[in-house]
């Protein structure tokens, strides 16, 4: 399912890097739109098509924090050696993790005030 992308933020003010698996786009996009409409500056690789690994690393590195939509699909995305989820998971950048299913978070996440993550409840 393809959605009209939220405009790619490319300024110098703090922004949120958003990362999710394509299979979780419906939920992640709905939350991102609400954030965007409330004035959050956002960047996601989905907003700019298929960015290079260098562009993803640069935007992650310059972000204020990363918002991750964790799911079995996200871990599968990472296990396929895809650059983005592995970069996010290995980054020292603080993260807000929203768990979309019963995927355990583990101890490898540097989260913001939510050591157990936030469980999504539609």
PDB file of N, CA and C in Angstrom:
ATOM      1  N   UNK A   1       0.853  -1.164   0.000  1.00  0.00           N
ATOM      2  CA  UNK A   1       0.000   0.000   0.000  1.00  0.00           C
ATOM      3  C   UNK A   1       0.902   1.232   0.000  1.00  0.00           C
ATOM      4  N   UNK A   2       0.735   2.100  -0.950  1.00  0.00           N
ATOM      5  CA  UNK A   2       1.564   3.303  -1.032  1.00  0.00           C
ATOM      6  C   UNK A   2       0.737   4.525  -0.647  1.00  0.00           C
ATOM      7  N   UNK A   3       1.304   5.342   0.193  1.00  0.00           N
ATOM      8  CA  UNK A   3       0.655   6.561   0.649  1.00  0.00           C
ATOM      9  C   UNK A   3       1.397   7.758   0.074  1.00  0.00           C
ATOM     10  N   UNK A   4       0.705   8.874  -0.027  1.00  0.00           N
ATOM     11  CA  UNK A   4       1.381  10.109  -0.414  1.00  0.00           C
ATOM     12  C   UNK A   4       2.379  10.425   0.681  1.00  0.00           C
ATOM     13  N   UNK A   5       3.630  10.635   0.329  1.00  0.00           N
ATOM     14  CA  UNK A   5       4.630  10.820   1.379  1.00  0.00           C
ATOM     15  C   UNK A   5       4.470  12.147   2.120  1.00  0.00           C
ATOM     16  N   UNK A   6       4.833  12.115   3.374  1.00  0.00           N
ATOM     17  CA  UNK A   6       4.949  13.336   4.156  1.00  0.00           C
ATOM     18  C   UNK A   6       6.172  14.045   3.594  1.00  0.00           C
ATOM     19  N   UNK A   7       6.115  15.352   3.409  1.00  0.00           N
ATOM     20  CA  UNK A   7       7.279  16.036   2.828  1.00  0.00           C
ATOM     21  C   UNK A   7       8.555  15.750   3.608  1.00  0.00           C
ATOM     22  N   UNK A   8       9.622  15.505   2.871  1.00  0.00           N
ATOM     23  CA  UNK A   8      10.918  15.212   3.473  1.00  0.00           C
ATOM     24  C   UNK A   8      11.467  16.470   4.132  1.00  0.00           C
ATOM     25  N   UNK A   9      11.752  16.398   5.424  1.00  0.00           N
ATOM     26  CA  UNK A   9      12.337  17.541   6.119  1.00  0.00           C
ATOM     27  C   UNK A   9      13.833  17.581   5.807  1.00  0.00           C
ATOM     28  N   UNK A  10      14.311  18.745   5.384  1.00  0.00           N
ATOM     29  CA  UNK A  10      15.716  18.854   5.015  1.00  0.00           C
ATOM     30  C   UNK A  10      16.354  20.106   5.616  1.00  0.00           C
ATOM     31  N   UNK A  11      15.794  20.599   6.729  1.00  0.00           N
ATOM     32  CA  UNK A  11      16.333  21.800   7.363  1.00  0.00           C
ATOM     33  C   UNK A  11      17.360  21.473   8.429  1.00  0.00           C
ATOM     34  N   UNK A  12      17.690  22.489   9.211  1.00  0.00           N
ATOM     35  CA  UNK A  12      18.707  22.337  10.256  1.00  0.00           C
ATOM     36  C   UNK A  12      18.125  22.203  11.663  1.00  0.00           C
ATOM     37  N   UNK A  13      16.843  22.460  11.822  1.00  0.00           N
ATOM     38  CA  UNK A  13      16.218  22.346  13.144  1.00  0.00           C
ATOM     39  C   UNK A  13      16.086  20.859  13.516  1.00  0.00           C
ATOM     40  N   UNK A  14      15.962  20.557  14.809  1.00  0.00           N
ATOM     41  CA  UNK A  14      15.819  19.156  15.228  1.00  0.00           C
ATOM     42  C   UNK A  14      14.615  18.486  14.560  1.00  0.00           C
ATOM     43  N   UNK A  15      14.795  17.212  14.228  1.00  0.00           N
ATOM     44  CA  UNK A  15      13.730  16.448  13.588  1.00  0.00           C
ATOM     45  C   UNK A  15      13.789  15.002  14.070  1.00  0.00           C
ATOM     46  N   UNK A  16      12.725  14.262  13.776  1.00  0.00           N
ATOM     47  CA  UNK A  16      12.596  12.865  14.178  1.00  0.00           C
ATOM     48  C   UNK A  16      12.815  11.982  12.946  1.00  0.00           C
ATOM     49  N   UNK A  17      13.719  11.015  13.073  1.00  0.00           N
ATOM     50  CA  UNK A  17      13.955  10.011  12.041  1.00  0.00           C
ATOM     51  C   UNK A  17      12.978   8.879  12.293  1.00  0.00           C
ATOM     52  N   UNK A  18      12.182   8.512  11.303  1.00  0.00           N
ATOM     53  CA  UNK A  18      11.176   7.461  11.470  1.00  0.00           C
ATOM     54  C   UNK A  18      11.597   6.222  10.681  1.00  0.00           C
ATOM     55  N   UNK A  19      11.516   5.054  11.326  1.00  0.00           N
ATOM     56  CA  UNK A  19      11.908   3.805  10.680  1.00  0.00           C
ATOM     57  C   UNK A  19      10.854   2.735  10.934  1.00  0.00           C
ATOM     58  N   UNK A  20      10.444   2.071   9.850  1.00  0.00           N
ATOM     59  CA  UNK A  20       9.465   0.987   9.967  1.00  0.00           C
ATOM     60  C   UNK A  20       9.608   0.055   8.774  1.00  0.00           C
ATOM     61  N   UNK A  21       9.073  -1.143   8.903  1.00  0.00           N
ATOM     62  CA  UNK A  21       9.048  -2.100   7.799  1.00  0.00           C
ATOM     63  C   UNK A  21       7.885  -1.742   6.881  1.00  0.00           C
ATOM     64  N   UNK A  22       8.056  -2.009   5.616  1.00  0.00           N
ATOM     65  CA  UNK A  22       7.015  -1.689   4.635  1.00  0.00           C
ATOM     66  C   UNK A  22       5.677  -2.338   5.003  1.00  0.00           C
ATOM     67  N   UNK A  23       5.716  -3.530   5.581  1.00  0.00           N
ATOM     68  CA  UNK A  23       4.484  -4.224   5.967  1.00  0.00           C
ATOM     69  C   UNK A  23       3.714  -3.476   7.059  1.00  0.00           C
ATOM     70  N   UNK A  24       4.387  -2.596   7.776  1.00  0.00           N
ATOM     71  CA  UNK A  24       3.762  -1.846   8.869  1.00  0.00           C
ATOM     72  C   UNK A  24       3.406  -0.421   8.466  1.00  0.00           C
ATOM     73  N   UNK A  25       3.472  -0.136   7.182  1.00  0.00           N
ATOM     74  CA  UNK A  25       3.289   1.232   6.709  1.00  0.00           C
ATOM     75  C   UNK A  25       1.927   1.826   7.083  1.00  0.00           C
ATOM     76  N   UNK A  26       0.883   1.044   7.043  1.00  0.00           N
ATOM     77  CA  UNK A  26      -0.452   1.584   7.334  1.00  0.00           C
ATOM     78  C   UNK A  26      -0.497   2.205   8.731  1.00  0.00           C
ATOM     79  N   UNK A  27       0.009   1.506   9.724  1.00  0.00           N
ATOM     80  CA  UNK A  27      -0.002   2.007  11.097  1.00  0.00           C
ATOM     81  C   UNK A  27       1.016   3.131  11.266  1.00  0.00           C
ATOM     82  N   UNK A  28       2.246   2.895  10.793  1.00  0.00           N
ATOM     83  CA  UNK A  28       3.313   3.889  10.954  1.00  0.00           C
ATOM     84  C   UNK A  28       2.950   5.201  10.263  1.00  0.00           C
ATOM     85  N   UNK A  29       2.404   5.106   9.068  1.00  0.00           N
ATOM     86  CA  UNK A  29       2.053   6.311   8.315  1.00  0.00           C
ATOM     87  C   UNK A  29       0.951   7.096   9.030  1.00  0.00           C
ATOM     88  N   UNK A  30      -0.048   6.413   9.560  1.00  0.00           N
ATOM     89  CA  UNK A  30      -1.141   7.100  10.264  1.00  0.00           C
ATOM     90  C   UNK A  30      -0.601   7.884  11.460  1.00  0.00           C
ATOM     91  N   UNK A  31       0.314   7.291  12.202  1.00  0.00           N
ATOM     92  CA  UNK A  31       0.905   7.973  13.355  1.00  0.00           C
ATOM     93  C   UNK A  31       1.795   9.123  12.891  1.00  0.00           C
ATOM     94  N   UNK A  32       2.586   8.893  11.841  1.00  0.00           N
ATOM     95  CA  UNK A  32       3.467   9.945  11.326  1.00  0.00           C
ATOM     96  C   UNK A  32       2.674  11.147  10.817  1.00  0.00           C
ATOM     97  N   UNK A  33       1.564  10.906  10.152  1.00  0.00           N
ATOM     98  CA  UNK A  33       0.730  12.015   9.661  1.00  0.00           C
ATOM     99  C   UNK A  33       0.212  12.844  10.822  1.00  0.00           C
ATOM    100  N   UNK A  34      -0.234  12.183  11.876  1.00  0.00           N
ATOM    101  CA  UNK A  34      -0.706  12.925  13.054  1.00  0.00           C
ATOM    102  C   UNK A  34       0.424  13.775  13.633  1.00  0.00           C
ATOM    103  N   UNK A  35       1.606  13.206  13.710  1.00  0.00           N
ATOM    104  CA  UNK A  35       2.755  13.955  14.232  1.00  0.00           C
ATOM    105  C   UNK A  35       3.067  15.140  13.330  1.00  0.00           C
ATOM    106  N   UNK A  36       3.086  14.916  12.035  1.00  0.00           N
ATOM    107  CA  UNK A  36       3.378  15.982  11.072  1.00  0.00           C
ATOM    108  C   UNK A  36       2.339  17.104  11.182  1.00  0.00           C
ATOM    109  N   UNK A  37       1.081  16.721  11.278  1.00  0.00           N
ATOM    110  CA  UNK A  37       0.009  17.715  11.393  1.00  0.00           C
ATOM    111  C   UNK A  37       0.074  18.498  12.699  1.00  0.00           C
ATOM    112  N   UNK A  38       0.720  17.932  13.707  1.00  0.00           N
ATOM    113  CA  UNK A  38       0.891  18.621  14.987  1.00  0.00           C
ATOM    114  C   UNK A  38       2.165  19.465  15.019  1.00  0.00           C
ATOM    115  N   UNK A  39       2.922  19.458  13.923  1.00  0.00           N
ATOM    116  CA  UNK A  39       4.084  20.326  13.819  1.00  0.00           C
ATOM    117  C   UNK A  39       5.436  19.665  13.985  1.00  0.00           C
ATOM    118  N   UNK A  40       5.480  18.341  14.129  1.00  0.00           N
ATOM    119  CA  UNK A  40       6.770  17.656  14.223  1.00  0.00           C
ATOM    120  C   UNK A  40       7.466  17.681  12.873  1.00  0.00           C
ATOM    121  N   UNK A  41       8.768  17.877  12.898  1.00  0.00           N
ATOM    122  CA  UNK A  41       9.579  17.761  11.688  1.00  0.00           C
ATOM    123  C   UNK A  41      10.021  16.297  11.609  1.00  0.00           C
ATOM    124  N   UNK A  42       9.786  15.673  10.474  1.00  0.00           N
ATOM    125  CA  UNK A  42      10.020  14.240  10.321  1.00  0.00           C
ATOM    126  C   UNK A  42      10.875  13.942   9.101  1.00  0.00           C
ATOM    127  N   UNK A  43      11.609  12.859   9.188  1.00  0.00           N
ATOM    128  CA  UNK A  43      12.310  12.346   8.013  1.00  0.00           C
ATOM    129  C   UNK A  43      12.167  10.842   8.011  1.00  0.00           C
ATOM    130  N   UNK A  44      11.801  10.305   6.875  1.00  0.00           N
ATOM    131  CA  UNK A  44      11.743   8.858   6.710  1.00  0.00           C
ATOM    132  C   UNK A  44      12.190   8.531   5.298  1.00  0.00           C
ATOM    133  N   UNK A  45      12.798   7.375   5.133  1.00  0.00           N
ATOM    134  CA  UNK A  45      13.268   6.993   3.803  1.00  0.00           C
ATOM    135  C   UNK A  45      12.092   6.858   2.842  1.00  0.00           C
ATOM    136  N   UNK A  46      10.911   6.546   3.369  1.00  0.00           N
ATOM    137  CA  UNK A  46       9.721   6.441   2.513  1.00  0.00           C
ATOM    138  C   UNK A  46       9.363   7.792   1.905  1.00  0.00           C
ATOM    139  N   UNK A  47       9.745   8.881   2.560  1.00  0.00           N
ATOM    140  CA  UNK A  47       9.416  10.222   2.071  1.00  0.00           C
ATOM    141  C   UNK A  47      10.229  10.603   0.847  1.00  0.00           C
ATOM    142  N   UNK A  48      11.339   9.927   0.637  1.00  0.00           N
ATOM    143  CA  UNK A  48      12.184  10.327  -0.496  1.00  0.00           C
ATOM    144  C   UNK A  48      12.505   9.154  -1.408  1.00  0.00           C
ATOM    145  N   UNK A  49      11.581   8.232  -1.506  1.00  0.00           N
ATOM    146  CA  UNK A  49      11.759   7.135  -2.450  1.00  0.00           C
ATOM    147  C   UNK A  49      12.737   6.104  -1.948  1.00  0.00           C
ATOM    148  N   UNK A  50      13.839   5.974  -2.632  1.00  0.00           N
ATOM    149  CA  UNK A  50      14.830   4.957  -2.304  1.00  0.00           C
ATOM    150  C   UNK A  50      16.186   5.627  -2.088  1.00  0.00           C
ATOM    151  N   UNK A  51      16.388   6.252  -0.920  1.00  0.00           N
ATOM    152  CA  UNK A  51      17.642   6.983  -0.700  1.00  0.00           C
ATOM    153  C   UNK A  51      18.835   6.044  -0.561  1.00  0.00           C
ATOM    154  N   UNK A  52      20.005   6.577  -0.817  1.00  0.00           N
ATOM    155  CA  UNK A  52      21.228   5.797  -0.657  1.00  0.00           C
ATOM    156  C   UNK A  52      21.480   5.521   0.822  1.00  0.00           C
ATOM    157  N   UNK A  53      22.291   4.519   1.089  1.00  0.00           N
ATOM    158  CA  UNK A  53      22.670   4.219   2.472  1.00  0.00           C
ATOM    159  C   UNK A  53      23.371   5.412   3.104  1.00  0.00           C
ATOM    160  N   UNK A  54      24.142   6.142   2.303  1.00  0.00           N
ATOM    161  CA  UNK A  54      24.840   7.315   2.818  1.00  0.00           C
ATOM    162  C   UNK A  54      23.830   8.380   3.272  1.00  0.00           C
ATOM    163  N   UNK A  55      22.782   8.581   2.493  1.00  0.00           N
ATOM    164  CA  UNK A  55      21.758   9.574   2.850  1.00  0.00           C
ATOM    165  C   UNK A  55      21.026   9.149   4.123  1.00  0.00           C
ATOM    166  N   UNK A  56      20.692   7.873   4.238  1.00  0.00           N
ATOM    167  CA  UNK A  56      20.024   7.367   5.437  1.00  0.00           C
ATOM    168  C   UNK A  56      20.918   7.587   6.655  1.00  0.00           C
ATOM    169  N   UNK A  57      22.188   7.242   6.553  1.00  0.00           N
ATOM    170  CA  UNK A  57      23.125   7.410   7.672  1.00  0.00           C
ATOM    171  C   UNK A  57      23.258   8.877   8.056  1.00  0.00           C
ATOM    172  N   UNK A  58      23.332   9.751   7.065  1.00  0.00           N
ATOM    173  CA  UNK A  58      23.448  11.185   7.344  1.00  0.00           C
ATOM    174  C   UNK A  58      22.211  11.705   8.068  1.00  0.00           C
ATOM    175  N   UNK A  59      21.027  11.346   7.580  1.00  0.00           N
ATOM    176  CA  UNK A  59      19.794  11.846   8.182  1.00  0.00           C
ATOM    177  C   UNK A  59      19.580  11.243   9.575  1.00  0.00           C
ATOM    178  N   UNK A  60      19.932   9.986   9.776  1.00  0.00           N
ATOM    179  CA  UNK A  60      19.848   9.386  11.107  1.00  0.00           C
ATOM    180  C   UNK A  60      20.819  10.091  12.049  1.00  0.00           C
ATOM    181  N   UNK A  61      22.036  10.291  11.600  1.00  0.00           N
ATOM    182  CA  UNK A  61      23.054  10.930  12.432  1.00  0.00           C
ATOM    183  C   UNK A  61      22.717  12.352  12.831  1.00  0.00           C
ATOM    184  N   UNK A  62      22.017  13.073  11.974  1.00  0.00           N
ATOM    185  CA  UNK A  62      21.665  14.471  12.248  1.00  0.00           C
ATOM    186  C   UNK A  62      20.327  14.626  12.962  1.00  0.00           C
ATOM    187  N   UNK A  63      19.598  13.550  13.140  1.00  0.00           N
ATOM    188  CA  UNK A  63      18.276  13.638  13.771  1.00  0.00           C
ATOM    189  C   UNK A  63      18.392  13.834  15.279  1.00  0.00           C
ATOM    190  N   UNK A  64      17.314  14.327  15.885  1.00  0.00           N
ATOM    191  CA  UNK A  64      17.269  14.492  17.338  1.00  0.00           C
ATOM    192  C   UNK A  64      17.097  13.134  18.011  1.00  0.00           C
ATOM    193  N   UNK A  65      16.324  12.259  17.397  1.00  0.00           N
ATOM    194  CA  UNK A  65      16.088  10.911  17.893  1.00  0.00           C
ATOM    195  C   UNK A  65      15.433  10.099  16.804  1.00  0.00           C
ATOM    196  N   UNK A  66      15.329   8.795  17.031  1.00  0.00           N
ATOM    197  CA  UNK A  66      14.693   7.903  16.066  1.00  0.00           C
ATOM    198  C   UNK A  66      13.413   7.341  16.671  1.00  0.00           C
ATOM    199  N   UNK A  67      12.377   7.310  15.859  1.00  0.00           N
ATOM    200  CA  UNK A  67      11.101   6.681  16.222  1.00  0.00           C
ATOM    201  C   UNK A  67      11.024   5.391  15.425  1.00  0.00           C
ATOM    202  N   UNK A  68      10.996   4.261  16.131  1.00  0.00           N
ATOM    203  CA  UNK A  68      11.023   2.950  15.488  1.00  0.00           C
ATOM    204  C   UNK A  68       9.706   2.233  15.743  1.00  0.00           C
ATOM    205  N   UNK A  69       9.123   1.697  14.685  1.00  0.00           N
ATOM    206  CA  UNK A  69       7.926   0.869  14.793  1.00  0.00           C
ATOM    207  C   UNK A  69       8.399  -0.578  14.737  1.00  0.00           C
ATOM    208  N   UNK A  70       8.571  -1.173  15.915  1.00  0.00           N
ATOM    209  CA  UNK A  70       9.133  -2.517  16.042  1.00  0.00           C
ATOM    210  C   UNK A  70       8.053  -3.573  15.842  1.00  0.00           C
ATOM    211  N   UNK A  71       8.384  -4.576  15.054  1.00  0.00           N
ATOM    212  CA  UNK A  71       7.469  -5.692  14.802  1.00  0.00           C
ATOM    213  C   UNK A  71       8.294  -6.866  14.300  1.00  0.00           C
ATOM    214  N   UNK A  72       7.637  -7.995  14.143  1.00  0.00           N
ATOM    215  CA  UNK A  72       8.319  -9.145  13.545  1.00  0.00           C
ATOM    216  C   UNK A  72       8.794  -8.781  12.139  1.00  0.00           C
ATOM    217  N   UNK A  73       7.995  -8.008  11.424  1.00  0.00           N
ATOM    218  CA  UNK A  73       8.381  -7.572  10.074  1.00  0.00           C
ATOM    219  C   UNK A  73       9.629  -6.708  10.115  1.00  0.00           C
ATOM    220  N   UNK A  74       9.744  -5.839  11.124  1.00  0.00           N
ATOM    221  CA  UNK A  74      10.917  -4.968  11.241  1.00  0.00           C
ATOM    222  C   UNK A  74      12.172  -5.801  11.492  1.00  0.00           C
ATOM    223  N   UNK A  75      12.069  -6.796  12.378  1.00  0.00           N
ATOM    224  CA  UNK A  75      13.233  -7.640  12.656  1.00  0.00           C
ATOM    225  C   UNK A  75      13.601  -8.478  11.430  1.00  0.00           C
ATOM    226  N   UNK A  76      12.603  -8.888  10.661  1.00  0.00           N
ATOM    227  CA  UNK A  76      12.876  -9.611   9.418  1.00  0.00           C
ATOM    228  C   UNK A  76      13.580  -8.682   8.428  1.00  0.00           C
ATOM    229  N   UNK A  77      13.109  -7.431   8.356  1.00  0.00           N
ATOM    230  CA  UNK A  77      13.713  -6.388   7.521  1.00  0.00           C
ATOM    231  C   UNK A  77      15.192  -6.249   7.893  1.00  0.00           C
ATOM    232  N   UNK A  78      15.489  -6.245   9.173  1.00  0.00           N
ATOM    233  CA  UNK A  78      16.877  -6.131   9.646  1.00  0.00           C
ATOM    234  C   UNK A  78      17.670  -7.398   9.338  1.00  0.00           C
ATOM    235  N   UNK A  79      17.040  -8.556   9.453  1.00  0.00           N
ATOM    236  CA  UNK A  79      17.750  -9.815   9.231  1.00  0.00           C
ATOM    237  C   UNK A  79      18.143 -10.016   7.772  1.00  0.00           C
ATOM    238  N   UNK A  80      17.489  -9.314   6.860  1.00  0.00           N
ATOM    239  CA  UNK A  80      17.838  -9.402   5.439  1.00  0.00           C
ATOM    240  C   UNK A  80      19.037  -8.531   5.112  1.00  0.00           C
ATOM    241  N   UNK A  81      19.694  -8.024   6.146  1.00  0.00           N
ATOM    242  CA  UNK A  81      20.880  -7.183   5.993  1.00  0.00           C
ATOM    243  C   UNK A  81      20.550  -5.837   5.339  1.00  0.00           C
ATOM    244  N   UNK A  82      19.315  -5.396   5.489  1.00  0.00           N
ATOM    245  CA  UNK A  82      18.933  -4.075   4.989  1.00  0.00           C
ATOM    246  C   UNK A  82      19.649  -3.026   5.831  1.00  0.00           C
ATOM    247  N   UNK A  83      20.104  -1.985   5.195  1.00  0.00           N
ATOM    248  CA  UNK A  83      20.923  -0.988   5.873  1.00  0.00           C
ATOM    249  C   UNK A  83      20.158  -0.210   6.940  1.00  0.00           C
ATOM    250  N   UNK A  84      18.993   0.315   6.602  1.00  0.00           N
ATOM    251  CA  UNK A  84      18.292   1.224   7.525  1.00  0.00           C
ATOM    252  C   UNK A  84      18.017   0.624   8.899  1.00  0.00           C
ATOM    253  N   UNK A  85      17.334  -0.517   9.006  1.00  0.00           N
ATOM    254  CA  UNK A  85      17.046  -1.012  10.361  1.00  0.00           C
ATOM    255  C   UNK A  85      18.306  -1.360  11.140  1.00  0.00           C
ATOM    256  N   UNK A  86      19.303  -1.858  10.456  1.00  0.00           N
ATOM    257  CA  UNK A  86      20.545  -2.202  11.151  1.00  0.00           C
ATOM    258  C   UNK A  86      21.254  -0.936  11.636  1.00  0.00           C
ATOM    259  N   UNK A  87      21.216   0.124  10.814  1.00  0.00           N
ATOM    260  CA  UNK A  87      21.824   1.401  11.222  1.00  0.00           C
ATOM    261  C   UNK A  87      21.095   1.969  12.426  1.00  0.00           C
ATOM    262  N   UNK A  88      19.769   1.910  12.405  1.00  0.00           N
ATOM    263  CA  UNK A  88      18.983   2.429  13.522  1.00  0.00           C
ATOM    264  C   UNK A  88      19.250   1.619  14.781  1.00  0.00           C
ATOM    265  N   UNK A  89      19.223   0.310  14.666  1.00  0.00           N
ATOM    266  CA  UNK A  89      19.424  -0.547  15.830  1.00  0.00           C
ATOM    267  C   UNK A  89      20.815  -0.360  16.435  1.00  0.00           C
ATOM    268  N   UNK A  90      21.818  -0.131  15.609  1.00  0.00           N
ATOM    269  CA  UNK A  90      23.199  -0.002  16.094  1.00  0.00           C
ATOM    270  C   UNK A  90      23.588   1.428  16.437  1.00  0.00           C
ATOM    271  N   UNK A  91      22.724   2.362  16.148  1.00  0.00           N
ATOM    272  CA  UNK A  91      23.026   3.767  16.403  1.00  0.00           C
ATOM    273  C   UNK A  91      22.963   4.087  17.901  1.00  0.00           C
ATOM    274  N   UNK A  92      23.857   4.960  18.379  1.00  0.00           N
ATOM    275  CA  UNK A  92      23.764   5.409  19.771  1.00  0.00           C
ATOM    276  C   UNK A  92      22.642   6.439  19.957  1.00  0.00           C
ATOM    277  N   UNK A  93      22.022   6.841  18.870  1.00  0.00           N
ATOM    278  CA  UNK A  93      20.923   7.810  18.917  1.00  0.00           C
ATOM    279  C   UNK A  93      19.817   7.284  19.826  1.00  0.00           C
ATOM    280  N   UNK A  94      19.244   8.154  20.644  1.00  0.00           N
ATOM    281  CA  UNK A  94      18.125   7.712  21.474  1.00  0.00           C
ATOM    282  C   UNK A  94      16.929   7.395  20.590  1.00  0.00           C
ATOM    283  N   UNK A  95      16.119   6.440  21.057  1.00  0.00           N
ATOM    284  CA  UNK A  95      14.995   5.955  20.267  1.00  0.00           C
ATOM    285  C   UNK A  95      13.721   5.894  21.094  1.00  0.00           C
ATOM    286  N   UNK A  96      12.639   6.149  20.426  1.00  0.00           N
ATOM    287  CA  UNK A  96      11.324   5.826  20.975  1.00  0.00           C
ATOM    288  C   UNK A  96      10.863   4.633  20.168  1.00  0.00           C
ATOM    289  N   UNK A  97      10.571   3.538  20.836  1.00  0.00           N
ATOM    290  CA  UNK A  97      10.196   2.300  20.160  1.00  0.00           C
ATOM    291  C   UNK A  97       8.724   2.034  20.435  1.00  0.00           C
ATOM    292  N   UNK A  98       7.962   1.917  19.355  1.00  0.00           N
ATOM    293  CA  UNK A  98       6.558   1.549  19.456  1.00  0.00           C
ATOM    294  C   UNK A  98       6.455   0.108  18.973  1.00  0.00           C
ATOM    295  N   UNK A  99       6.093  -0.794  19.878  1.00  0.00           N
ATOM    296  CA  UNK A  99       5.981  -2.215  19.547  1.00  0.00           C
ATOM    297  C   UNK A  99       4.610  -2.478  18.933  1.00  0.00           C
ATOM    298  N   UNK A 100       4.594  -2.952  17.706  1.00  0.00           N
ATOM    299  CA  UNK A 100       3.340  -3.168  16.991  1.00  0.00           C
ATOM    300  C   UNK A 100       2.762  -4.556  17.205  1.00  0.00           C
ATOM    301  N   UNK A 101       3.554  -5.464  17.730  1.00  0.00           N
ATOM    302  CA  UNK A 101       3.068  -6.810  18.007  1.00  0.00           C
ATOM    303  C   UNK A 101       3.796  -7.327  19.249  1.00  0.00           C
ATOM    304  N   UNK A 102       3.850  -8.624  19.420  1.00  0.00           N
ATOM    305  CA  UNK A 102       4.455  -9.178  20.637  1.00  0.00           C
ATOM    306  C   UNK A 102       5.968  -9.409  20.504  1.00  0.00           C
ATOM    307  N   UNK A 103       6.586  -8.745  19.564  1.00  0.00           N
ATOM    308  CA  UNK A 103       8.032  -8.863  19.388  1.00  0.00           C
ATOM    309  C   UNK A 103       8.750  -8.353  20.636  1.00  0.00           C
ATOM    310  N   UNK A 104       9.621  -9.172  21.228  1.00  0.00           N
ATOM    311  CA  UNK A 104      10.361  -8.688  22.403  1.00  0.00           C
ATOM    312  C   UNK A 104      11.383  -7.634  21.990  1.00  0.00           C
ATOM    313  N   UNK A 105      11.534  -6.622  22.816  1.00  0.00           N
ATOM    314  CA  UNK A 105      12.466  -5.548  22.507  1.00  0.00           C
ATOM    315  C   UNK A 105      13.913  -5.949  22.710  1.00  0.00           C
ATOM    316  N   UNK A 106      14.187  -6.797  23.644  1.00  0.00           N
ATOM    317  CA  UNK A 106      15.568  -7.134  23.935  1.00  0.00           C
ATOM    318  C   UNK A 106      16.249  -5.983  24.665  1.00  0.00           C
ATOM    319  N   UNK A 107      17.554  -6.063  24.798  1.00  0.00           N
ATOM    320  CA  UNK A 107      18.291  -5.053  25.554  1.00  0.00           C
ATOM    321  C   UNK A 107      19.169  -4.180  24.670  1.00  0.00           C
ATOM    322  N   UNK A 108      19.072  -4.343  23.372  1.00  0.00           N
ATOM    323  CA  UNK A 108      19.960  -3.633  22.457  1.00  0.00           C
ATOM    324  C   UNK A 108      19.488  -2.242  22.072  1.00  0.00           C
ATOM    325  N   UNK A 109      18.370  -1.805  22.592  1.00  0.00           N
ATOM    326  CA  UNK A 109      17.802  -0.522  22.181  1.00  0.00           C
ATOM    327  C   UNK A 109      18.174   0.559  23.185  1.00  0.00           C
ATOM    328  N   UNK A 110      18.563   1.708  22.686  1.00  0.00           N
ATOM    329  CA  UNK A 110      18.838   2.879  23.521  1.00  0.00           C
ATOM    330  C   UNK A 110      17.565   3.732  23.471  1.00  0.00           C
ATOM    331  N   UNK A 111      16.651   3.478  24.392  1.00  0.00           N
ATOM    332  CA  UNK A 111      15.337   4.113  24.316  1.00  0.00           C
ATOM    333  C   UNK A 111      15.223   5.336  25.209  1.00  0.00           C
ATOM    334  N   UNK A 112      14.234   6.138  24.921  1.00  0.00           N
ATOM    335  CA  UNK A 112      13.957   7.345  25.692  1.00  0.00           C
ATOM    336  C   UNK A 112      12.896   7.015  26.732  1.00  0.00           C
ATOM    337  N   UNK A 113      13.296   6.861  27.992  1.00  0.00           N
ATOM    338  CA  UNK A 113      12.381   6.726  29.123  1.00  0.00           C
ATOM    339  C   UNK A 113      11.399   5.559  29.050  1.00  0.00           C
ATOM    340  N   UNK A 114      11.482   4.697  28.090  1.00  0.00           N
ATOM    341  CA  UNK A 114      10.535   3.597  27.970  1.00  0.00           C
ATOM    342  C   UNK A 114      11.305   2.290  27.793  1.00  0.00           C
ATOM    343  N   UNK A 115      11.890   1.766  28.861  1.00  0.00           N
ATOM    344  CA  UNK A 115      12.709   0.570  28.702  1.00  0.00           C
ATOM    345  C   UNK A 115      11.945  -0.618  28.141  1.00  0.00           C
ATOM    346  N   UNK A 116      10.649  -0.645  28.298  1.00  0.00           N
ATOM    347  CA  UNK A 116       9.849  -1.750  27.759  1.00  0.00           C
ATOM    348  C   UNK A 116       9.251  -1.394  26.409  1.00  0.00           C
ATOM    349  N   UNK A 117       9.461  -0.187  25.937  1.00  0.00           N
ATOM    350  CA  UNK A 117       8.830   0.246  24.690  1.00  0.00           C
ATOM    351  C   UNK A 117       7.388   0.608  24.941  1.00  0.00           C
ATOM    352  N   UNK A 118       6.740   1.031  23.928  1.00  0.00           N
ATOM    353  CA  UNK A 118       5.319   1.371  23.994  1.00  0.00           C
ATOM    354  C   UNK A 118       4.590   0.355  23.146  1.00  0.00           C
ATOM    355  N   UNK A 119       3.597  -0.260  23.696  1.00  0.00           N
ATOM    356  CA  UNK A 119       2.829  -1.257  22.946  1.00  0.00           C
ATOM    357  C   UNK A 119       1.681  -0.567  22.232  1.00  0.00           C
ATOM    358  N   UNK A 120       1.565  -0.795  20.928  1.00  0.00           N
ATOM    359  CA  UNK A 120       0.490  -0.223  20.130  1.00  0.00           C
ATOM    360  C   UNK A 120      -0.797  -0.975  20.430  1.00  0.00           C
ATOM    361  N   UNK A 121      -1.847  -0.232  20.689  1.00  0.00           N
ATOM    362  CA  UNK A 121      -3.147  -0.832  20.960  1.00  0.00           C
ATOM    363  C   UNK A 121      -4.200  -0.084  20.156  1.00  0.00           C
ATOM    364  N   UNK A 122      -4.597  -0.661  19.012  1.00  0.00           N
ATOM    365  CA  UNK A 122      -5.583   0.045  18.176  1.00  0.00           C
ATOM    366  C   UNK A 122      -6.892   0.121  18.890  1.00  0.00           C
TER     367      UNK A 122
END
